[in-house]
Amino acid sequence: MEFSRPFSCIHHIDSATLRVHCLPSVRLVETSFVPASRPSTQPDAAPAGPAHGLAPKYRPADHESRIQAKWIAARAFHADPQRVLRGEAEPYCILIPPPNVTAALHLGHALNNTLQDILVRAHRMKGFETLWMPGTDHAGIATQAVVEKRLRQEGRLTGPLKMAMTREQFVAQVQAWKDEYEATITSQLKAMGCSCDWDRQRFTLDDVCARAVREAFFILFRDGLIYRGKRLVNWDPVSQTALADDEVEMEEVDGHFYYLRYPVVTRGAGTPVTWGELARRGYPGAHAHRSDEPAWVTVATTRPETYLGDTAVAVNPRDTRWPALNGLDVRLPLVNRIIPIIADDYVVMPAADPSAEGVDPKAKYATGFLKVTPAHDVNDYEIGRRHQLPVINVMAPDAGISDRHGWTDVGDAGIFLGLSREIARERVVAEFKSRGLLESIKPYRHSVGHSYRSHVPIEPYLSDQWYVKVTDDRMKGAALRALDSRSAGMEFFPDRYTRTYQSWHENIRDWCISRQLWWGHRIPVWWSPSESETRRAVSEAASGFPNPADGCIHVFDQRACLCVHSRTADALTKQFEDRGWVQDPDVLDTWFSSALWPLSTMGWPDPSRAARDTGIADFPSLLPAFNPTSVLCTAREIITLWVSRMVMFNRYFLPEGWPETGAGGGSTAVAFTPGAGNGPIPFHDVFIHCVIQDGEGQKMSKSLGNGVDPLDIIATHGADALRFVLCEITTQTQDVRMPVDIICPHCSRTFDPRKITIESGHTVAAPVQQCPACSKHCTTSYGLASGKARPTSDAPLAKNTSSRFDKGRNFCTKLWNAARFVMMQLDEGGGAAVDAPHPLDMRRLPLADRWMLSRLVGAIERCDAALSNYEFSVYAQALYDLLWRDFCDWYLEAIKPTVKRNLAQQCVLRAVFDAVLRLLHPVAPFVTEAIYESFARYSRDSVPGLDLPAAARQVSAAAPPLLCISGWPSASASLRDDQAETTFARVQQIIESIRQVRSQQGVEPRRKIVLHAGGETAEIIRSAGGVVESLAGLERIVPEFAADAVRFVFEGQELGLSGLREAVDASSELEMAKSALEKLEKDIAVLESRLNNPGYTSKAPPNLVAQTQAQLDQKRAESRKIRRRIGELES
């Protein structure tokens, strides 16, 4: 028995504040399961007991893969949609946010999937028919980028991709990459314990999903919600593809404002205008210049290289300079293009005093003259439309200066052709300076849009693209109406993200869905080869060919395009291809297929065809059974990218009143009549979880290489430790930093890696590290991801870990040792084979048992409420309090002297521990299942009011007992015993007070001492049935005080301890008494201040005010007794 915690001599904790925070020092001994190469910081394990089947130490590697295989062999996670359709079970469905096949999963993915698995496992145990649909995403632009990068690193690709390889050759390379990483991702998810229905795994580019994409495109095309348009798009010059607005990330960058002078000329003739002429026209400030000097206007820009495409200079019509400039033009240097000066309200007026506080930053830097470049700025494009200005594109797809995309009047500006935009910027500024037209340069920090994949600044670029008309009420309106609670609407957790969702739709623009890539769903549209074919197609369409149910023809830019229905694609497209029609070369935005995820994974639009293709016979039953799904767990950055679009598509493609209006599960595509925006929501709840950041506060990213492979943590701590900590850190308020150490692959020591700052401004681990312990080198994940280092035999790839997961490992160890202790007590007490009295007389149970059952009731309620509200950190804390504090630190220690000879107590012990295992299982499935393999053989005698169902659902008859499908525990309110909890809390307080005295007096752990107590305190101690004597190390309890007794206060009553040692150090006791009095006086001052505050006494509930007064009275009484004792000691 240990007494290791420091205590003060005078203890004064009131019972109202004491609950689970009192940790006795008598505890189960913890052990470690870290690899042998790492030193253990835990005490030795308890000795092995009888044949209960549990090893002295819990080693996750000994159990995890075996248990995962056991679950899969029993098909424990397989969903049966027919049980839902027959009304035998309520459905609970989660669709996994499909991970991108770009690389292995990091901790952010582990967090997301752990939370989903906790929900799925808990609902499976509660008797729901659960479906957790797994799958992966082809991630068009991201996957193409990483494969292209790897091919270049390996020297297998040089020059432009589309000139070096055919489409088929490159797609084959990406397919090989996909196969590798899809297998990696699946193995990671299984290693984490994810209980997905693995038979139903989907891929967004597989045949089942492709059929849904073709169907959806056809319906939207036919209904006029997909169209072709020439617009300014967000262009990624590295990937050379368009991006949607929500694929652009704004980043703060250090740039400059360049002030360029444009010479003013007359309209028509183009002759220079002097300052004298402007003065005669009433131009303010013109007299400050020489009258014969050519006049100019000064534009301010952060992009001087785009001046090559300027088609106007705009002035605010309220600007006093506008009347004098009305009717004049300017001449662009080198280009010699003459462009008009126009008036537009968009132009920001310059600040009268730029240095004044509160000045608009734009006005602070503005000159009042805006260069208008419609082809290279979104706002300029709108100005150009209002004033019908020419649109001149001066850039190539790689953002280099080019005259091949609409720029014809190059003139002397040909010196810039072929330059990158960055170098062209420098050259333009130099040319303006050499001509005396550069007025000044000012530093300017501003927000610039970057590609979310290549991380380079995007370029506004004019091009023909395909769009979904999401501004239509059938899309936008349907998405907003999904929040209507009157129609069982969708709910966000936390609620603050509802506003994010609403704001996005209130300001939404049409969605650009075409991408200039090779990897992805190719756009299912065929273009006519000539004007004659266009005329023929239009004529045929008017006469009913093709059949509107099979194909649809629209005309864009004088060219006909054909979109065919997915069921008739092959036959119809061949007819047109034979006539020279060519399929559009672009692919769809990845998010188009992702938006169909709640539909495509369940076989829409043709579940019977999906059943035939996959061999999964119950495909036709999935959609009516599980759509709408229960909850979507995702991150906030894809509310717009994904959540919004799934809502739009689900509500558009399924009929109103679904699933009642479905045709018996929808055996054919015809059964699915689009709901025109009135169909069902795809999920009832949307949980937005926190984001795990690295130690620098940066989001974990595959491209930065700062992600952590969950397998690394599993290797050092175990999957359950990983899961428990991820659950614990998931609050609804803030993101989480996860500092990461490196494990040296040579000596297994951990160390903090050397950091570097890369061009993007991110801080990452340097590509190659030197271990401070063994001086050998290793390669980091950033080195591998960036291509700046390759693992070698001398510098192998290092794994990552984090000390934050130690708590999870210790928690699992605590559970394992508790299980061994429980089963040893049952074996030695004969309780494994002998039934306890039936029924149990709850009134005659010892106080500790009644307290533990009452605490269990509270824990079950707390867990249920936390999971219902997606409060994962609350759930984890409830489990920690139940297992570590209540069950191990108090209950097991309290019953240790009696349980072996008390069969009723053994019954309670078995039932409580069984319930603990079930409550823990969703977050720690491996260790609980491993324990249950041995524990299941112990009979579970019924405790009245505690329900522990044998199985929530049936699996294979040959399957062994499995905790994962056992029933969730429930407890009757009759087990709630407030009196037992209050009394036991006072017992805990007494024990803690005695331990404080023992510790401060230096009493040997094994020494038995005497407690001097009488009255109510003695009665409390007697009611505990020997618990105080056992846990506080008491020899006996007597009412009379001994002369050498050390005194302390409990609930206002003075108690004493004697027999501490030969002679008590009076000076030490005096010092401790004064320290205790000082703290008491502070507490009294706080309570007095609270009661003297009218705002508190008048507004707080009367019972709370009374409780505060009672606390004050008690502390004043304790203070008087301590003062009296101090007087005795000083005399």
Foldseek 3Di string as FASTA:
>chain_A
DDQDDFFFQFFEDFLVPFFLPQFFPPFAFFWFQFDPLDDTPGDQFDDFFPPLPFDSFDHQVVFQVVVLVQCVVLLVLAFDLVCLVVVNAAEFEEEQLAAELQAEDFLQSLLLLLLVLLLQLQVLQAQHRYAYEYEHFPQFLQLLVLLVVVCVLVVNDDDDPVVNDPLVVSQVSSVVSSVVSVVNRVVLCSQLVRSHSVLLYYYCPDPLLLQVLQQLLFVLVLVVQKDKDWDWFWADLVSLKGDWPLQWDKDKDKFKKWKFWWFKAAPPVRHFQFLLLLVVQVAPPSVVDPRRHGDTAIFIDRQLLLLLQFAEKEAAPVDPRVSSQPRIWTADPQLRDTHHYYHDNVFDDADPDLVDPPDDPCNSRGRRIHGQALFWDNVSVVVCVVVVTDHADQADSNQAGDCPPHNDSCGRVPVRHPHHSVVSRVVSLVVSVVVVGTDDMGIDIDIFIARNNPRHGITGHTDMFMWRQCLDCLQLVLLLCQCVVVVLHAAEVVRVCNVVLNVCSVPDGITGWWIQGSPAAFPQKWKAPDLVVQVVVVVVVVVQPPPSQFKDWDDDPSIIMIRGNSVCSPVVVVVVVVVVIGGDRIHTRSLSSLLCSLPSSLSPLAQLVVCVVSVPPCSLSPNQSAFLHAEYEEASSCCPSHQSSNQSSQQFFAAAPPPVQADSSNNGNVRTDTNSSRHHGNYRYYYHWAFEAEQVRHGDDLLQLRGASVVLACSRQNSLLSLLLSLQPTASPHHHYFYKWWQQPPSRDTDRADWDQDPSRDIDGPQKGADPPPRFIAGESSCVSNVVDDADPRHYYIHMYGPSSVVSSSVLSLLSSVLSLLVSLCVLLVLQPDAADPPDPLVPDALLLLQLLQLLQVLLVQLVVCSVSVRSSSLSVSLCSNRVRSVTSASCLLCVVPSSNHNSNSLSSLLSSLLSLLSSCSSRVRSSQVSCVSSVSRDNDDHPFKDWAQFSDDTDPPNDRGSSGTHHIHGDCVSNDPVSSSLVSLLSSVLSSLSNSLSLQVFDPQDAKEKADDDPVVVSCVSNPCSSCRSNRHPYYHNDDDPQWQWYDRQLDIMTMDPRDDHTDLVSSLVSLVVVLVVLVVVLVVLVVQLPDCVNCVPPPVVVNVVSVSVNVSSVSRNVVSVVVNVVSVD
